[in-house]
Each structure stands twice: as structure tokens, then as C-alpha cells.
């Protein structure tokens, strides 16, 4: 079942990312996008800035960042400055972690009224943030890390792509993904290396080597697709993943998404039947649960973590 349905992942990748890219002419990749409320000179910061980090196959280009930029604009209403990272779509955990580190240090250097930041990271972005905190000496600059549908213990979909798709299938899939990555602005995309870091086997060793830092608050959320999610692609893949790993968001099992303090299933928190992997950050409006207030969800997270530390 995984063999047949995982093929849809790459069809989806081409439709959801590739086609809009050509239609839009593909805007050039941007630098980290900062949004901050106006503050009088010398005013002491009363809230921490927030770094928003996306996951695999995303890039900081306009047509993919609409939902995160909508979140940024909402945060300005409550005087919370924010940064959207500009890491690569198909880079390794280590490489993207270094990009995030440099973005945070640059921001804090330019805004010395802030000493620490909060991070909200979706999917693979959560692994990159964990690596950055533990291995790149960033615990002193990070107050909290909230991960959304991050595969902390891996995904059956990644395992299939790396271990069970055959050499030909893996090579073709990697070539397509790398081409999309280049189109989005990646300098040297390596989708096979990136996906291999999302397998259960890889994450078992990663977790052993990457302990949480005691000075950082770790919070996580998961989503459950449910049985009647309206998007056929997610529903089909979700059923295949369910057979191997139980409830999931269409890509990441619920149990894999739990890390640190578990905030709960987002669909249950907001009284919804089901949410997909990309619903948690707004996703494509043509392929998401439009009843979910993802902007309000981010505001709720920020209120929680800023009150906790």
C-alpha cells in the first residue's frame, strides 16, 4: 500500500510546488523576512521575537510563504516581532541548522534589546532547530522550541522512499525533487540525503546524539487526519501510514510528533474532525481544512511559551 500511495507524494509535489512555481515565474529566493513593531529608541523589549521555520520542500518564496506571512502580520497586532527563516528546501538537517543559527545571531546582534527568541518549527524544521540548539551552542539564545508535526521518530513514507522504492525509483524521485529545489532557489539541493534523515532508523541515532538542553522549553503538537479528511491524496497516504504506524496527519505518525511537553492533537483542541500535515501552518488553501484557524493557533502557542519562560 505504501508503495503505491507514496508515488502520489511526488505527483503532489509537482502539482502543489512545481506548477505554481512556473506560473509565478518563480520569485527569487529571499533572505530571512523580519517583521517588527515600531518601538521608541531605548525601549526595553517586553516580548521575545519568534522564528518561524518551515519544513522539507518549502522555500522562502512568495507563493509558498503566504500563510507564514499572514501569521507574521497577525503577530504585529500583539507587538511580537518575527522572522521567517530562509533555509533551503532540500538541504540536510546540519546545513539548514547553520542557516538558522546565523539568522538568529544576526537578528539579536541588530536588536540588542532582545536576548532570546522562541522558535515555532514545522516538520523537518523542528529537527533542524533541535540540532542547532544542542550542537551549535544556541541554547543561550533560545527560550523555547515548539515543533508542529515534526517526525522526531521518523516517518514510514521516508522509510519507503529510501529503503523500498528501488534504485530506479529513488533516483528518479531525487532528480525531480532536486530540480524543484533548484527552481525554488536551493544552491545545492540533495533531496535523497534530506529524506534519509527522516527515516526511523536515522532518527533513533539522531535522538540519542541530540539530547534536549535543560534551559530550553520543548513543546510539541501533532495532528490526526481522521477517516474522512476531504483531500483525497492526504486521505489515501494517511490510510497507508495508519496501517504501519497508527493515527497520523497524512505523513507523520502522532507518536512520532510527540517531543518534550506534548500540547495535544490540534484537531481535538480546536474541535475539528481531522487536520493534515500542512494544515498546521496554513498549507495550500485548495488542499487544506479551511475551518482551521491556523493564525489563531500560532497566537495561542506564542502566548503559552512566552508565559512559560
Protein backbone atom coordinates (compact mmCIF):
# COMPACT_ATOMS: atom_id res chain seq x y z
CA UNK A 1 0.00 0.00 0.00
CA UNK A 2 2.80 2.44 0.89
CA UNK A 3 4.49 1.60 -2.43
CA UNK A 4 1.51 2.68 -4.49
CA UNK A 5 0.39 5.64 -2.43
CA UNK A 6 3.82 7.17 -1.88
CA UNK A 7 4.08 7.76 -5.62
CA UNK A 8 1.33 10.30 -5.05
CA UNK A 9 3.66 12.30 -2.84
CA UNK A 10 5.79 13.21 -5.83
CA UNK A 11 2.78 13.89 -8.02
CA UNK A 12 1.56 16.21 -5.29
CA UNK A 13 4.99 17.84 -5.04
CA UNK A 14 4.91 18.65 -8.73
CA UNK A 15 1.35 19.98 -8.67
CA UNK A 16 1.48 21.91 -5.41
CA UNK A 17 5.00 23.32 -5.75
CA UNK A 18 6.25 22.93 -9.31
CA UNK A 19 3.23 24.19 -11.26
CA UNK A 20 2.72 27.38 -9.23
CA UNK A 21 6.45 27.98 -9.50
CA UNK A 22 6.34 28.06 -13.29
CA UNK A 23 3.08 30.02 -13.31
CA UNK A 24 4.53 32.66 -10.99
CA UNK A 25 7.82 32.82 -12.84
CA UNK A 26 9.39 31.78 -9.53
CA UNK A 27 10.33 34.79 -7.49
CA UNK A 28 13.94 34.74 -6.38
CA UNK A 29 14.65 33.20 -3.04
CA UNK A 30 14.68 35.88 -0.36
CA UNK A 31 16.63 36.46 2.81
CA UNK A 32 15.07 35.81 6.19
CA UNK A 33 11.96 38.01 6.41
CA UNK A 34 11.71 40.14 9.56
CA UNK A 35 8.55 41.85 10.79
CA UNK A 36 8.76 44.03 13.90
CA UNK A 37 6.51 46.61 15.55
CA UNK A 38 7.84 50.15 15.81
CA UNK A 39 9.49 50.79 19.17
CA UNK A 40 10.85 54.04 20.61
CA UNK A 41 14.65 54.10 20.82
CA UNK A 42 15.88 52.61 24.06
CA UNK A 43 12.62 50.88 24.92
CA UNK A 44 13.19 47.63 26.76
CA UNK A 45 11.71 44.64 24.96
CA UNK A 46 8.77 43.09 26.80
CA UNK A 47 8.16 40.17 24.44
CA UNK A 48 10.56 37.80 22.72
CA UNK A 49 10.83 37.60 18.93
CA UNK A 50 9.71 34.40 17.20
CA UNK A 51 11.50 32.47 14.47
CA UNK A 52 9.08 30.68 12.10
CA UNK A 53 10.70 27.66 10.43
CA UNK A 54 9.15 25.62 7.63
CA UNK A 55 9.98 22.03 6.69
CA UNK A 56 11.02 19.87 3.75
CA UNK A 57 10.23 21.06 0.20
CA UNK A 58 9.45 24.62 1.29
CA UNK A 59 11.47 27.70 0.45
CA UNK A 60 11.20 31.39 1.32
CA UNK A 61 9.49 32.49 -1.89
CA UNK A 62 6.27 34.45 -2.03
CA UNK A 63 3.87 31.82 -3.34
CA UNK A 64 4.88 29.31 -0.64
CA UNK A 65 5.11 31.72 2.29
CA UNK A 66 1.63 33.25 2.15
CA UNK A 67 0.38 31.58 5.31
CA UNK A 68 3.52 32.29 7.35
CA UNK A 69 3.47 35.91 6.26
CA UNK A 70 -0.17 36.10 7.28
CA UNK A 71 0.93 34.82 10.70
CA UNK A 72 3.68 37.46 10.78
CA UNK A 73 1.19 40.23 10.12
CA UNK A 74 -1.08 38.97 12.89
CA UNK A 75 1.80 38.87 15.36
CA UNK A 76 2.44 42.56 14.71
CA UNK A 77 -1.02 43.22 16.16
CA UNK A 78 0.19 41.90 19.52
CA UNK A 79 3.63 43.54 19.19
CA UNK A 80 5.53 40.28 18.65
CA UNK A 81 8.45 40.61 16.20
CA UNK A 82 9.07 37.59 14.00
CA UNK A 83 11.50 36.14 11.47
CA UNK A 84 10.71 33.69 8.66
CA UNK A 85 13.82 31.65 8.03
CA UNK A 86 15.34 31.40 4.55
CA UNK A 87 16.80 27.90 4.76
CA UNK A 88 16.84 25.52 1.80
CA UNK A 89 14.05 23.19 0.72
CA UNK A 90 16.22 20.08 0.24
CA UNK A 91 19.28 20.54 2.44
CA UNK A 92 20.44 18.37 5.33
CA UNK A 93 19.50 18.99 8.94
CA UNK A 94 23.04 20.16 9.67
CA UNK A 95 23.24 22.65 6.79
CA UNK A 96 19.85 24.21 7.50
CA UNK A 97 20.62 24.38 11.22
CA UNK A 98 23.65 26.53 10.43
CA UNK A 99 21.49 28.86 8.33
CA UNK A 100 19.02 29.25 11.19
CA UNK A 101 21.83 29.89 13.68
CA UNK A 102 23.27 32.66 11.53
CA UNK A 103 19.83 34.26 11.06
CA UNK A 104 19.16 34.28 14.80
CA UNK A 105 22.57 35.66 15.71
CA UNK A 106 22.27 38.38 13.08
CA UNK A 107 18.84 39.40 14.35
CA UNK A 108 19.93 39.50 18.00
CA UNK A 109 23.03 41.49 17.08
CA UNK A 110 20.92 44.07 15.25
CA UNK A 111 18.30 44.13 18.03
CA UNK A 112 20.25 44.01 21.31
CA UNK A 113 17.11 44.72 23.34
CA UNK A 114 16.25 41.06 22.73
CA UNK A 115 18.33 38.38 24.44
CA UNK A 116 16.47 35.21 23.43
CA UNK A 117 13.93 34.06 20.88
CA UNK A 118 11.15 31.48 20.67
CA UNK A 119 11.08 29.06 17.73
CA UNK A 120 7.98 27.53 16.14
CA UNK A 121 9.07 24.91 13.61
CA UNK A 122 7.03 22.74 11.29
CA UNK A 123 8.00 19.21 10.23
CA UNK A 124 11.73 18.80 9.44
CA UNK A 125 12.32 22.33 10.65
CA UNK A 126 11.88 21.04 14.18
CA UNK A 127 14.75 18.59 13.78
CA UNK A 128 16.95 21.36 12.40
CA UNK A 129 16.11 23.56 15.37
CA UNK A 130 16.87 20.75 17.83
CA UNK A 131 20.24 20.17 16.17
CA UNK A 132 21.02 23.88 16.25
CA UNK A 133 20.22 24.21 19.95
CA UNK A 134 22.18 21.14 21.04
CA UNK A 135 25.14 21.07 18.66
CA UNK A 136 25.68 24.68 17.60
CA UNK A 137 25.72 26.30 21.02
CA UNK A 138 22.43 28.15 20.65
CA UNK A 139 20.70 27.21 23.92
CA UNK A 140 21.65 30.55 25.45
CA UNK A 141 19.76 32.33 22.68
CA UNK A 142 16.62 30.15 22.54
CA UNK A 143 13.92 30.26 25.23
CA UNK A 144 11.61 27.66 23.68
CA UNK A 145 11.15 25.34 20.72
CA UNK A 146 7.66 24.35 19.62
CA UNK A 147 7.51 21.63 16.97
CA UNK A 148 4.47 21.03 14.76
CA UNK A 149 4.10 17.58 13.20
CA UNK A 150 7.85 17.06 13.34
CA UNK A 151 8.85 13.41 12.68
CA UNK A 152 11.01 13.08 15.80
CA UNK A 153 10.93 9.30 15.43
CA UNK A 154 10.72 9.20 11.66
CA UNK A 155 8.04 8.64 9.02
CA UNK A 156 7.07 5.43 7.19
CA UNK A 157 6.88 7.48 3.98
CA UNK A 158 10.55 8.45 4.23
CA UNK A 159 11.46 4.87 5.06
CA UNK A 160 9.74 3.63 1.92
CA UNK A 161 11.37 6.24 -0.30
CA UNK A 162 14.86 5.39 0.92
CA UNK A 163 14.67 1.65 1.58
CA UNK A 164 11.86 0.18 -0.51
CA UNK A 165 11.36 2.21 -3.68
CA UNK A 166 14.20 0.57 -5.63
CA UNK A 167 17.26 2.24 -7.11
CA UNK A 168 15.43 3.46 -10.20
CA UNK A 169 12.51 4.93 -8.30
CA UNK A 170 14.76 6.59 -5.76
CA UNK A 171 16.99 8.14 -8.43
CA UNK A 172 14.04 9.47 -10.43
CA UNK A 173 12.31 10.85 -7.34
CA UNK A 174 15.51 12.54 -6.16
CA UNK A 175 16.12 14.08 -9.59
CA UNK A 176 12.60 15.52 -9.70
CA UNK A 177 12.81 16.87 -6.15
CA UNK A 178 16.27 18.36 -6.75
CA UNK A 179 15.02 20.09 -9.88
CA UNK A 180 12.16 21.60 -7.89
CA UNK A 181 14.63 22.64 -5.18
CA UNK A 182 16.81 24.40 -7.73
CA UNK A 183 13.74 26.10 -9.16
CA UNK A 184 12.87 27.36 -5.68
CA UNK A 185 16.36 28.73 -5.08
CA UNK A 186 18.34 25.94 -3.41
CA UNK A 187 22.05 26.28 -4.16
CA UNK A 188 22.88 22.58 -3.94
CA UNK A 189 19.73 20.51 -3.25
CA UNK A 190 20.18 16.93 -2.04
CA UNK A 191 16.69 15.55 -1.54
CA UNK A 192 17.87 11.97 -1.02
CA UNK A 193 20.12 13.00 1.88
CA UNK A 194 17.35 15.17 3.33
CA UNK A 195 14.71 12.44 3.17
CA UNK A 196 17.10 9.79 4.54
CA UNK A 197 17.30 11.89 7.71
CA UNK A 198 13.56 11.41 8.24
CA UNK A 199 13.64 7.60 8.50
CA UNK A 200 13.02 5.89 11.86
CA UNK A 201 16.48 4.31 11.76
CA UNK A 202 18.24 7.65 11.28
CA UNK A 203 16.14 9.43 13.90
CA UNK A 204 16.84 6.76 16.51
CA UNK A 205 20.54 7.64 16.37
CA UNK A 206 19.84 11.36 15.96
CA UNK A 207 17.77 11.39 19.16
CA UNK A 208 20.48 9.55 21.07
CA UNK A 209 23.06 12.09 19.89
CA UNK A 210 20.86 15.17 20.34
CA UNK A 211 19.61 15.48 23.92
CA UNK A 212 17.36 18.36 24.87
CA UNK A 213 19.03 21.28 26.60
CA UNK A 214 17.74 21.79 30.16
CA UNK A 215 17.50 25.57 29.72
CA UNK A 216 15.14 25.35 26.72
CA UNK A 217 11.39 24.67 26.94
CA UNK A 218 10.36 21.99 24.40
CA UNK A 219 6.71 21.81 23.32
CA UNK A 220 5.13 19.73 20.55
CA UNK A 221 1.82 19.33 18.72
CA UNK A 222 0.51 16.64 16.39
CA UNK A 223 -2.47 16.24 14.08
CA UNK A 224 -4.74 13.32 13.23
CA UNK A 225 -6.13 13.16 9.71
CA UNK A 226 -9.14 11.09 10.75
CA UNK A 227 -11.09 8.87 8.39
CA UNK A 228 -12.96 11.41 6.28
CA UNK A 229 -10.44 14.14 5.53
CA UNK A 230 -11.64 15.95 2.38
CA UNK A 231 -8.36 15.82 0.42
CA UNK A 232 -8.06 12.51 -1.46
CA UNK A 233 -4.26 12.49 -1.63
CA UNK A 234 -3.74 13.01 2.08
CA UNK A 235 -6.53 10.56 2.90
CA UNK A 236 -5.00 7.84 0.73
CA UNK A 237 -1.46 8.23 2.07
CA UNK A 238 -2.81 8.59 5.60
CA UNK A 239 -4.54 5.21 5.40
CA UNK A 240 -1.31 3.57 4.27
CA UNK A 241 0.66 5.19 7.09
CA UNK A 242 -2.05 4.21 9.58
CA UNK A 243 -1.59 0.53 8.70
CA UNK A 244 2.08 0.77 9.72
CA UNK A 245 2.17 3.37 12.47
CA UNK A 246 -1.33 4.25 13.65
CA UNK A 247 -3.01 7.68 13.68
CA UNK A 248 -1.19 10.28 11.61
CA UNK A 249 -1.51 13.57 9.74
CA UNK A 250 -1.03 12.03 6.30
CA UNK A 251 2.77 11.89 6.60
CA UNK A 252 3.87 11.86 10.25
CA UNK A 253 2.51 9.45 12.90
CA UNK A 254 1.09 11.09 16.02
CA UNK A 255 3.52 9.19 18.25
CA UNK A 256 6.46 10.39 16.17
CA UNK A 257 5.41 14.04 16.55
CA UNK A 258 5.47 13.99 20.36
CA UNK A 259 8.52 15.64 21.92
CA UNK A 260 9.08 17.40 25.23
CA UNK A 261 5.78 18.61 26.66
CA UNK A 262 3.01 17.36 24.38
CA UNK A 263 0.44 20.07 23.75
CA UNK A 264 -2.07 17.66 22.21
CA UNK A 265 -3.77 16.84 18.94
CA UNK A 266 -4.52 20.15 17.28
CA UNK A 267 -7.73 18.91 15.66
CA UNK A 268 -9.07 17.86 19.08
CA UNK A 269 -8.00 21.12 20.73
CA UNK A 270 -10.00 23.13 18.18
CA UNK A 271 -12.91 20.68 17.81
CA UNK A 272 -12.19 19.58 14.23
CA UNK A 273 -12.65 16.13 12.71
CA UNK A 274 -9.20 15.99 11.13
CA UNK A 275 -6.16 18.03 10.13
CA UNK A 276 -3.35 17.26 7.71
CA UNK A 277 0.40 17.74 7.97
CA UNK A 278 0.34 21.09 6.17
CA UNK A 279 -2.87 22.35 7.78
CA UNK A 280 -0.90 23.26 10.88
CA UNK A 281 0.87 26.08 9.00
CA UNK A 282 -1.99 27.06 6.72
CA UNK A 283 -0.96 24.99 3.72
CA UNK A 284 -2.37 25.43 0.26
CA UNK A 285 -5.90 26.91 0.52
CA UNK A 286 -7.01 24.50 -2.23
CA UNK A 287 -5.88 21.45 -0.24
CA UNK A 288 -6.48 22.23 3.42
CA UNK A 289 -9.16 22.20 6.08
CA UNK A 290 -10.44 25.76 5.74
CA UNK A 291 -12.25 25.54 9.09
CA UNK A 292 -8.93 25.60 10.96
CA UNK A 293 -7.78 29.00 12.24
CA UNK A 294 -4.03 28.45 11.83
CA UNK A 295 -3.28 32.10 12.61
CA UNK A 296 -5.08 31.85 15.94
CA UNK A 297 -3.23 28.61 16.64
CA UNK A 298 0.14 30.34 16.33
CA UNK A 299 -1.02 33.17 18.55
CA UNK A 300 -2.10 30.63 21.18
CA UNK A 301 1.32 28.93 21.02
CA UNK A 302 3.16 32.20 21.50
CA UNK A 303 1.03 33.18 24.47
CA UNK A 304 1.73 29.79 26.04
CA UNK A 305 5.51 29.73 25.56
CA UNK A 306 6.07 33.36 26.47
CA UNK A 307 4.15 32.82 29.70
CA UNK A 308 6.13 29.64 30.45
CA UNK A 309 9.58 31.32 30.41
